[in-house]
Amino acid sequence: MALHEVLSALADKTGRAILQKLQEGKINSGDLAKAVGLSPQALSYHLSKLKKSGLIYETKEKNFIYYELDLTVLDEAIVWISTLKGGKDDE
């Protein structure tokens, strides 16, 4: 995953709503679609973008796919943002 993919995913309002719902814990795709008010097709698009960025991952249990947060990729973004802020303070 690249930093630009993480930042792009975070810039999307719907993606952020999905991440906020996932803060509550693991949830299957059907329940997640209902919770954020999206059709399954629309949810699939946003989940794909979030998975590509590394912010979420999926697990399969029987006939269900569950989604969970994986915020470890935020460390790179935080370091990059901190570097920018550090550069401004040095001037």
PDB file of N, CA and C in Angstrom:
ATOM      1  N   MET A   1       0.829  -1.171   0.000  1.00  0.00           N
ATOM      2  CA  MET A   1       0.000   0.000   0.000  1.00  0.00           C
ATOM      3  C   MET A   1       0.879   1.241   0.000  1.00  0.00           C
ATOM      4  N   ALA A   2       0.426   2.230  -0.679  1.00  0.00           N
ATOM      5  CA  ALA A   2       1.176   3.476  -0.802  1.00  0.00           C
ATOM      6  C   ALA A   2       0.482   4.565   0.015  1.00  0.00           C
ATOM      7  N   LEU A   3       1.274   5.532   0.398  1.00  0.00           N
ATOM      8  CA  LEU A   3       0.753   6.633   1.191  1.00  0.00           C
ATOM      9  C   LEU A   3      -0.397   7.333   0.474  1.00  0.00           C
ATOM     10  N   HIS A   4      -0.270   7.519  -0.838  1.00  0.00           N
ATOM     11  CA  HIS A   4      -1.336   8.217  -1.566  1.00  0.00           C
ATOM     12  C   HIS A   4      -2.654   7.438  -1.522  1.00  0.00           C
ATOM     13  N   GLU A   5      -2.597   6.108  -1.465  1.00  0.00           N
ATOM     14  CA  GLU A   5      -3.814   5.312  -1.370  1.00  0.00           C
ATOM     15  C   GLU A   5      -4.482   5.480  -0.003  1.00  0.00           C
ATOM     16  N   VAL A   6      -3.673   5.554   1.036  1.00  0.00           N
ATOM     17  CA  VAL A   6      -4.203   5.764   2.386  1.00  0.00           C
ATOM     18  C   VAL A   6      -4.860   7.136   2.474  1.00  0.00           C
ATOM     19  N   LEU A   7      -4.156   8.164   2.004  1.00  0.00           N
ATOM     20  CA  LEU A   7      -4.702   9.514   2.073  1.00  0.00           C
ATOM     21  C   LEU A   7      -5.945   9.660   1.211  1.00  0.00           C
ATOM     22  N   SER A   8      -5.967   9.024   0.065  1.00  0.00           N
ATOM     23  CA  SER A   8      -7.143   9.059  -0.804  1.00  0.00           C
ATOM     24  C   SER A   8      -8.335   8.393  -0.133  1.00  0.00           C
ATOM     25  N   ALA A   9      -8.101   7.260   0.498  1.00  0.00           N
ATOM     26  CA  ALA A   9      -9.180   6.556   1.193  1.00  0.00           C
ATOM     27  C   ALA A   9      -9.714   7.389   2.353  1.00  0.00           C
ATOM     28  N   LEU A  10      -8.832   8.057   3.064  1.00  0.00           N
ATOM     29  CA  LEU A  10      -9.245   8.887   4.194  1.00  0.00           C
ATOM     30  C   LEU A  10      -9.959  10.158   3.743  1.00  0.00           C
ATOM     31  N   ALA A  11      -9.688  10.598   2.540  1.00  0.00           N
ATOM     32  CA  ALA A  11     -10.315  11.815   2.025  1.00  0.00           C
ATOM     33  C   ALA A  11     -11.775  11.585   1.637  1.00  0.00           C
ATOM     34  N   ASP A  12     -12.164  10.342   1.450  1.00  0.00           N
ATOM     35  CA  ASP A  12     -13.516  10.011   1.015  1.00  0.00           C
ATOM     36  C   ASP A  12     -14.466   9.941   2.215  1.00  0.00           C
ATOM     37  N   LYS A  13     -15.525  10.743   2.178  1.00  0.00           N
ATOM     38  CA  LYS A  13     -16.493  10.821   3.281  1.00  0.00           C
ATOM     39  C   LYS A  13     -17.133   9.468   3.571  1.00  0.00           C
ATOM     40  N   THR A  14     -17.511   8.745   2.538  1.00  0.00           N
ATOM     41  CA  THR A  14     -18.143   7.440   2.724  1.00  0.00           C
ATOM     42  C   THR A  14     -17.158   6.443   3.311  1.00  0.00           C
ATOM     43  N   GLY A  15     -15.923   6.491   2.836  1.00  0.00           N
ATOM     44  CA  GLY A  15     -14.894   5.616   3.394  1.00  0.00           C
ATOM     45  C   GLY A  15     -14.680   5.876   4.875  1.00  0.00           C
ATOM     46  N   ARG A  16     -14.693   7.143   5.259  1.00  0.00           N
ATOM     47  CA  ARG A  16     -14.531   7.484   6.679  1.00  0.00           C
ATOM     48  C   ARG A  16     -15.715   6.973   7.501  1.00  0.00           C
ATOM     49  N   ALA A  17     -16.926   7.032   6.946  1.00  0.00           N
ATOM     50  CA  ALA A  17     -18.102   6.514   7.649  1.00  0.00           C
ATOM     51  C   ALA A  17     -17.972   5.007   7.874  1.00  0.00           C
ATOM     52  N   ILE A  18     -17.460   4.315   6.873  1.00  0.00           N
ATOM     53  CA  ILE A  18     -17.239   2.870   7.002  1.00  0.00           C
ATOM     54  C   ILE A  18     -16.198   2.601   8.090  1.00  0.00           C
ATOM     55  N   LEU A  19     -15.107   3.347   8.082  1.00  0.00           N
ATOM     56  CA  LEU A  19     -14.065   3.167   9.105  1.00  0.00           C
ATOM     57  C   LEU A  19     -14.616   3.429  10.500  1.00  0.00           C
ATOM     58  N   GLN A  20     -15.446   4.453  10.634  1.00  0.00           N
ATOM     59  CA  GLN A  20     -16.030   4.759  11.942  1.00  0.00           C
ATOM     60  C   GLN A  20     -16.919   3.614  12.420  1.00  0.00           C
ATOM     61  N   LYS A  21     -17.686   3.034  11.523  1.00  0.00           N
ATOM     62  CA  LYS A  21     -18.519   1.888  11.903  1.00  0.00           C
ATOM     63  C   LYS A  21     -17.654   0.704  12.306  1.00  0.00           C
ATOM     64  N   LEU A  22     -16.558   0.502  11.596  1.00  0.00           N
ATOM     65  CA  LEU A  22     -15.667  -0.620  11.911  1.00  0.00           C
ATOM     66  C   LEU A  22     -14.925  -0.429  13.227  1.00  0.00           C
ATOM     67  N   GLN A  23     -14.902   0.793  13.748  1.00  0.00           N
ATOM     68  CA  GLN A  23     -14.302   1.004  15.069  1.00  0.00           C
ATOM     69  C   GLN A  23     -15.046   0.219  16.139  1.00  0.00           C
ATOM     70  N   GLU A  24     -16.307  -0.062  15.883  1.00  0.00           N
ATOM     71  CA  GLU A  24     -17.120  -0.812  16.840  1.00  0.00           C
ATOM     72  C   GLU A  24     -16.768  -2.299  16.844  1.00  0.00           C
ATOM     73  N   GLY A  25     -16.037  -2.755  15.837  1.00  0.00           N
ATOM     74  CA  GLY A  25     -15.636  -4.154  15.774  1.00  0.00           C
ATOM     75  C   GLY A  25     -15.974  -4.790  14.440  1.00  0.00           C
ATOM     76  N   LYS A  26     -15.664  -6.052  14.356  1.00  0.00           N
ATOM     77  CA  LYS A  26     -15.859  -6.844  13.135  1.00  0.00           C
ATOM     78  C   LYS A  26     -17.336  -6.873  12.768  1.00  0.00           C
ATOM     79  N   ILE A  27     -17.621  -6.750  11.461  1.00  0.00           N
ATOM     80  CA  ILE A  27     -19.004  -6.742  10.982  1.00  0.00           C
ATOM     81  C   ILE A  27     -19.056  -7.355   9.581  1.00  0.00           C
ATOM     82  N   ASN A  28     -20.156  -8.041   9.287  1.00  0.00           N
ATOM     83  CA  ASN A  28     -20.272  -8.634   7.956  1.00  0.00           C
ATOM     84  C   ASN A  28     -20.741  -7.587   6.963  1.00  0.00           C
ATOM     85  N   SER A  29     -20.561  -7.883   5.696  1.00  0.00           N
ATOM     86  CA  SER A  29     -20.815  -6.900   4.652  1.00  0.00           C
ATOM     87  C   SER A  29     -22.283  -6.473   4.587  1.00  0.00           C
ATOM     88  N   GLY A  30     -23.204  -7.389   4.789  1.00  0.00           N
ATOM     89  CA  GLY A  30     -24.619  -7.043   4.744  1.00  0.00           C
ATOM     90  C   GLY A  30     -25.002  -6.066   5.848  1.00  0.00           C
ATOM     91  N   ASP A  31     -24.546  -6.353   7.057  1.00  0.00           N
ATOM     92  CA  ASP A  31     -24.838  -5.461   8.186  1.00  0.00           C
ATOM     93  C   ASP A  31     -24.132  -4.120   8.026  1.00  0.00           C
ATOM     94  N   LEU A  32     -22.944  -4.157   7.463  1.00  0.00           N
ATOM     95  CA  LEU A  32     -22.192  -2.913   7.244  1.00  0.00           C
ATOM     96  C   LEU A  32     -22.906  -2.035   6.224  1.00  0.00           C
ATOM     97  N   ALA A  33     -23.414  -2.633   5.148  1.00  0.00           N
ATOM     98  CA  ALA A  33     -24.141  -1.870   4.124  1.00  0.00           C
ATOM     99  C   ALA A  33     -25.356  -1.182   4.742  1.00  0.00           C
ATOM    100  N   LYS A  34     -26.097  -1.911   5.564  1.00  0.00           N
ATOM    101  CA  LYS A  34     -27.266  -1.326   6.234  1.00  0.00           C
ATOM    102  C   LYS A  34     -26.854  -0.202   7.181  1.00  0.00           C
ATOM    103  N   ALA A  35     -25.786  -0.414   7.931  1.00  0.00           N
ATOM    104  CA  ALA A  35     -25.361   0.559   8.934  1.00  0.00           C
ATOM    105  C   ALA A  35     -24.928   1.892   8.324  1.00  0.00           C
ATOM    106  N   VAL A  36     -24.316   1.841   7.155  1.00  0.00           N
ATOM    107  CA  VAL A  36     -23.839   3.087   6.530  1.00  0.00           C
ATOM    108  C   VAL A  36     -24.755   3.557   5.405  1.00  0.00           C
ATOM    109  N   GLY A  37     -25.845   2.830   5.168  1.00  0.00           N
ATOM    110  CA  GLY A  37     -26.837   3.257   4.200  1.00  0.00           C
ATOM    111  C   GLY A  37     -26.402   3.174   2.748  1.00  0.00           C
ATOM    112  N   LEU A  38     -25.707   2.090   2.406  1.00  0.00           N
ATOM    113  CA  LEU A  38     -25.240   1.905   1.028  1.00  0.00           C
ATOM    114  C   LEU A  38     -25.820   0.631   0.434  1.00  0.00           C
ATOM    115  N   SER A  39     -25.957   0.626  -0.877  1.00  0.00           N
ATOM    116  CA  SER A  39     -26.319  -0.606  -1.560  1.00  0.00           C
ATOM    117  C   SER A  39     -25.106  -1.538  -1.510  1.00  0.00           C
ATOM    118  N   PRO A  40     -25.315  -2.835  -1.665  1.00  0.00           N
ATOM    119  CA  PRO A  40     -24.172  -3.757  -1.681  1.00  0.00           C
ATOM    120  C   PRO A  40     -23.135  -3.398  -2.753  1.00  0.00           C
ATOM    121  N   GLN A  41     -23.588  -2.923  -3.910  1.00  0.00           N
ATOM    122  CA  GLN A  41     -22.662  -2.563  -4.983  1.00  0.00           C
ATOM    123  C   GLN A  41     -21.815  -1.353  -4.597  1.00  0.00           C
ATOM    124  N   ALA A  42     -22.447  -0.341  -4.016  1.00  0.00           N
ATOM    125  CA  ALA A  42     -21.717   0.855  -3.596  1.00  0.00           C
ATOM    126  C   ALA A  42     -20.747   0.514  -2.475  1.00  0.00           C
ATOM    127  N   LEU A  43     -21.193  -0.314  -1.537  1.00  0.00           N
ATOM    128  CA  LEU A  43     -20.317  -0.716  -0.438  1.00  0.00           C
ATOM    129  C   LEU A  43     -19.100  -1.458  -0.979  1.00  0.00           C
ATOM    130  N   SER A  44     -19.313  -2.341  -1.943  1.00  0.00           N
ATOM    131  CA  SER A  44     -18.224  -3.110  -2.523  1.00  0.00           C
ATOM    132  C   SER A  44     -17.138  -2.199  -3.088  1.00  0.00           C
ATOM    133  N   TYR A  45     -17.541  -1.134  -3.770  1.00  0.00           N
ATOM    134  CA  TYR A  45     -16.582  -0.175  -4.323  1.00  0.00           C
ATOM    135  C   TYR A  45     -15.729   0.441  -3.216  1.00  0.00           C
ATOM    136  N   HIS A  46     -16.372   0.897  -2.153  1.00  0.00           N
ATOM    137  CA  HIS A  46     -15.645   1.556  -1.072  1.00  0.00           C
ATOM    138  C   HIS A  46     -14.780   0.565  -0.288  1.00  0.00           C
ATOM    139  N   LEU A  47     -15.277  -0.641  -0.079  1.00  0.00           N
ATOM    140  CA  LEU A  47     -14.481  -1.653   0.608  1.00  0.00           C
ATOM    141  C   LEU A  47     -13.238  -2.006  -0.194  1.00  0.00           C
ATOM    142  N   SER A  48     -13.372  -2.072  -1.492  1.00  0.00           N
ATOM    143  CA  SER A  48     -12.224  -2.365  -2.347  1.00  0.00           C
ATOM    144  C   SER A  48     -11.147  -1.291  -2.187  1.00  0.00           C
ATOM    145  N   LYS A  49     -11.565  -0.050  -2.185  1.00  0.00           N
ATOM    146  CA  LYS A  49     -10.625   1.058  -2.021  1.00  0.00           C
ATOM    147  C   LYS A  49      -9.956   1.014  -0.640  1.00  0.00           C
ATOM    148  N   LEU A  50     -10.736   0.724   0.391  1.00  0.00           N
ATOM    149  CA  LEU A  50     -10.188   0.647   1.748  1.00  0.00           C
ATOM    150  C   LEU A  50      -9.245  -0.543   1.913  1.00  0.00           C
ATOM    151  N   LYS A  51      -9.582  -1.678   1.282  1.00  0.00           N
ATOM    152  CA  LYS A  51      -8.684  -2.845   1.341  1.00  0.00           C
ATOM    153  C   LYS A  51      -7.383  -2.556   0.612  1.00  0.00           C
ATOM    154  N   LYS A  52      -7.475  -1.916  -0.551  1.00  0.00           N
ATOM    155  CA  LYS A  52      -6.277  -1.598  -1.322  1.00  0.00           C
ATOM    156  C   LYS A  52      -5.351  -0.668  -0.533  1.00  0.00           C
ATOM    157  N   SER A  53      -5.934   0.220   0.241  1.00  0.00           N
ATOM    158  CA  SER A  53      -5.127   1.151   1.041  1.00  0.00           C
ATOM    159  C   SER A  53      -4.519   0.465   2.262  1.00  0.00           C
ATOM    160  N   GLY A  54      -5.057  -0.695   2.627  1.00  0.00           N
ATOM    161  CA  GLY A  54      -4.548  -1.412   3.800  1.00  0.00           C
ATOM    162  C   GLY A  54      -5.227  -1.016   5.100  1.00  0.00           C
ATOM    163  N   LEU A  55      -6.276  -0.200   5.032  1.00  0.00           N
ATOM    164  CA  LEU A  55      -6.952   0.262   6.248  1.00  0.00           C
ATOM    165  C   LEU A  55      -7.921  -0.767   6.824  1.00  0.00           C
ATOM    166  N   ILE A  56      -8.331  -1.735   6.004  1.00  0.00           N
ATOM    167  CA  ILE A  56      -9.212  -2.798   6.488  1.00  0.00           C
ATOM    168  C   ILE A  56      -8.754  -4.130   5.909  1.00  0.00           C
ATOM    169  N   TYR A  57      -9.228  -5.190   6.523  1.00  0.00           N
ATOM    170  CA  TYR A  57      -9.002  -6.515   5.961  1.00  0.00           C
ATOM    171  C   TYR A  57     -10.269  -7.333   6.139  1.00  0.00           C
ATOM    172  N   GLU A  58     -10.364  -8.408   5.381  1.00  0.00           N
ATOM    173  CA  GLU A  58     -11.542  -9.253   5.436  1.00  0.00           C
ATOM    174  C   GLU A  58     -11.176 -10.657   5.859  1.00  0.00           C
ATOM    175  N   THR A  59     -12.133 -11.295   6.512  1.00  0.00           N
ATOM    176  CA  THR A  59     -12.017 -12.714   6.851  1.00  0.00           C
ATOM    177  C   THR A  59     -13.315 -13.387   6.435  1.00  0.00           C
ATOM    178  N   LYS A  60     -13.207 -14.638   6.049  1.00  0.00           N
ATOM    179  CA  LYS A  60     -14.388 -15.395   5.632  1.00  0.00           C
ATOM    180  C   LYS A  60     -14.709 -16.425   6.696  1.00  0.00           C
ATOM    181  N   GLU A  61     -15.976 -16.427   7.092  1.00  0.00           N
ATOM    182  CA  GLU A  61     -16.473 -17.403   8.064  1.00  0.00           C
ATOM    183  C   GLU A  61     -17.774 -17.970   7.520  1.00  0.00           C
ATOM    184  N   LYS A  62     -17.737 -19.229   7.173  1.00  0.00           N
ATOM    185  CA  LYS A  62     -18.883 -19.906   6.546  1.00  0.00           C
ATOM    186  C   LYS A  62     -19.314 -19.135   5.308  1.00  0.00           C
ATOM    187  N   ASN A  63     -20.531 -18.637   5.263  1.00  0.00           N
ATOM    188  CA  ASN A  63     -21.039 -17.935   4.076  1.00  0.00           C
ATOM    189  C   ASN A  63     -20.925 -16.418   4.192  1.00  0.00           C
ATOM    190  N   PHE A  64     -20.208 -15.935   5.179  1.00  0.00           N
ATOM    191  CA  PHE A  64     -20.137 -14.497   5.415  1.00  0.00           C
ATOM    192  C   PHE A  64     -18.712 -13.985   5.268  1.00  0.00           C
ATOM    193  N   ILE A  65     -18.612 -12.736   4.829  1.00  0.00           N
ATOM    194  CA  ILE A  65     -17.329 -12.033   4.803  1.00  0.00           C
ATOM    195  C   ILE A  65     -17.410 -10.934   5.852  1.00  0.00           C
ATOM    196  N   TYR A  66     -16.436 -10.911   6.746  1.00  0.00           N
ATOM    197  CA  TYR A  66     -16.383  -9.922   7.814  1.00  0.00           C
ATOM    198  C   TYR A  66     -15.241  -8.947   7.551  1.00  0.00           C
ATOM    199  N   TYR A  67     -15.441  -7.716   7.961  1.00  0.00           N
ATOM    200  CA  TYR A  67     -14.442  -6.670   7.776  1.00  0.00           C
ATOM    201  C   TYR A  67     -14.012  -6.128   9.127  1.00  0.00           C
ATOM    202  N   GLU A  68     -12.711  -5.803   9.213  1.00  0.00           N
ATOM    203  CA  GLU A  68     -12.138  -5.237  10.435  1.00  0.00           C
ATOM    204  C   GLU A  68     -11.124  -4.167  10.067  1.00  0.00           C
ATOM    205  N   LEU A  69     -10.874  -3.290  11.015  1.00  0.00           N
ATOM    206  CA  LEU A  69      -9.874  -2.237  10.821  1.00  0.00           C
ATOM    207  C   LEU A  69      -8.467  -2.788  10.932  1.00  0.00           C
ATOM    208  N   ASP A  70      -7.557  -2.192  10.198  1.00  0.00           N
ATOM    209  CA  ASP A  70      -6.122  -2.439  10.337  1.00  0.00           C
ATOM    210  C   ASP A  70      -5.447  -1.088  10.183  1.00  0.00           C
ATOM    211  N   LEU A  71      -5.302  -0.396  11.288  1.00  0.00           N
ATOM    212  CA  LEU A  71      -4.827   0.986  11.248  1.00  0.00           C
ATOM    213  C   LEU A  71      -3.311   1.115  11.323  1.00  0.00           C
ATOM    214  N   THR A  72      -2.590   0.003  11.204  1.00  0.00           N
ATOM    215  CA  THR A  72      -1.126   0.086  11.274  1.00  0.00           C
ATOM    216  C   THR A  72      -0.550   0.913  10.123  1.00  0.00           C
ATOM    217  N   VAL A  73      -1.259   0.972   8.995  1.00  0.00           N
ATOM    218  CA  VAL A  73      -0.758   1.754   7.858  1.00  0.00           C
ATOM    219  C   VAL A  73      -0.809   3.253   8.138  1.00  0.00           C
ATOM    220  N   LEU A  74      -1.564   3.643   9.152  1.00  0.00           N
ATOM    221  CA  LEU A  74      -1.622   5.073   9.485  1.00  0.00           C
ATOM    222  C   LEU A  74      -0.300   5.589  10.027  1.00  0.00           C
ATOM    223  N   ASP A  75       0.539   4.696  10.545  1.00  0.00           N
ATOM    224  CA  ASP A  75       1.834   5.118  11.075  1.00  0.00           C
ATOM    225  C   ASP A  75       2.653   5.856  10.022  1.00  0.00           C
ATOM    226  N   GLU A  76       2.683   5.324   8.805  1.00  0.00           N
ATOM    227  CA  GLU A  76       3.430   5.965   7.723  1.00  0.00           C
ATOM    228  C   GLU A  76       2.868   7.355   7.432  1.00  0.00           C
ATOM    229  N   ALA A  77       1.553   7.463   7.406  1.00  0.00           N
ATOM    230  CA  ALA A  77       0.923   8.761   7.137  1.00  0.00           C
ATOM    231  C   ALA A  77       1.224   9.752   8.256  1.00  0.00           C
ATOM    232  N   ILE A  78       1.196   9.282   9.483  1.00  0.00           N
ATOM    233  CA  ILE A  78       1.477  10.155  10.622  1.00  0.00           C
ATOM    234  C   ILE A  78       2.918  10.651  10.581  1.00  0.00           C
ATOM    235  N   VAL A  79       3.841   9.769  10.262  1.00  0.00           N
ATOM    236  CA  VAL A  79       5.251  10.163  10.151  1.00  0.00           C
ATOM    237  C   VAL A  79       5.423  11.214   9.055  1.00  0.00           C
ATOM    238  N   TRP A  80       4.784  10.995   7.910  1.00  0.00           N
ATOM    239  CA  TRP A  80       4.900  11.934   6.797  1.00  0.00           C
ATOM    240  C   TRP A  80       4.327  13.295   7.182  1.00  0.00           C
ATOM    241  N   ILE A  81       3.165  13.306   7.802  1.00  0.00           N
ATOM    242  CA  ILE A  81       2.543  14.566   8.225  1.00  0.00           C
ATOM    243  C   ILE A  81       3.398  15.246   9.282  1.00  0.00           C
ATOM    244  N   SER A  82       3.940  14.490  10.211  1.00  0.00           N
ATOM    245  CA  SER A  82       4.815  15.056  11.246  1.00  0.00           C
ATOM    246  C   SER A  82       6.062  15.683  10.641  1.00  0.00           C
ATOM    247  N   THR A  83       6.592  15.052   9.593  1.00  0.00           N
ATOM    248  CA  THR A  83       7.761  15.598   8.904  1.00  0.00           C
ATOM    249  C   THR A  83       7.425  16.946   8.273  1.00  0.00           C
ATOM    250  N   LEU A  84       6.267  17.036   7.669  1.00  0.00           N
ATOM    251  CA  LEU A  84       5.837  18.314   7.086  1.00  0.00           C
ATOM    252  C   LEU A  84       5.721  19.392   8.165  1.00  0.00           C
ATOM    253  N   LYS A  85       5.105  19.015   9.258  1.00  0.00           N
ATOM    254  CA  LYS A  85       4.934  19.969  10.359  1.00  0.00           C
ATOM    255  C   LYS A  85       6.277  20.357  10.934  1.00  0.00           C
ATOM    256  N   GLY A  86       7.180  19.403  11.054  1.00  0.00           N
ATOM    257  CA  GLY A  86       8.516  19.669  11.584  1.00  0.00           C
ATOM    258  C   GLY A  86       9.275  20.636  10.701  1.00  0.00           C
ATOM    259  N   GLY A  87       9.121  20.521   9.390  1.00  0.00           N
ATOM    260  CA  GLY A  87       9.785  21.420   8.439  1.00  0.00           C
ATOM    261  C   GLY A  87       9.333  22.841   8.595  1.00  0.00           C
ATOM    262  N   LYS A  88       8.057  23.066   8.894  1.00  0.00           N
ATOM    263  CA  LYS A  88       7.527  24.410   9.048  1.00  0.00           C
ATOM    264  C   LYS A  88       8.050  25.052  10.337  1.00  0.00           C
ATOM    265  N   ASP A  89       8.174  24.240  11.401  1.00  0.00           N
ATOM    266  CA  ASP A  89       8.635  24.771  12.684  1.00  0.00           C
ATOM    267  C   ASP A  89      10.099  25.173  12.643  1.00  0.00           C
ATOM    268  N   ASP A  90      10.884  24.537  11.761  1.00  0.00           N
ATOM    269  CA  ASP A  90      12.323  24.811  11.697  1.00  0.00           C
ATOM    270  C   ASP A  90      12.647  26.139  11.025  1.00  0.00           C
ATOM    271  N   GLU A  91      11.704  26.711  10.296  1.00  0.00           N
ATOM    272  CA  GLU A  91      12.006  27.932   9.545  1.00  0.00           C
ATOM    273  C   GLU A  91      12.026  29.146  10.427  1.00  0.00           C
TER     274      GLU A  91
END
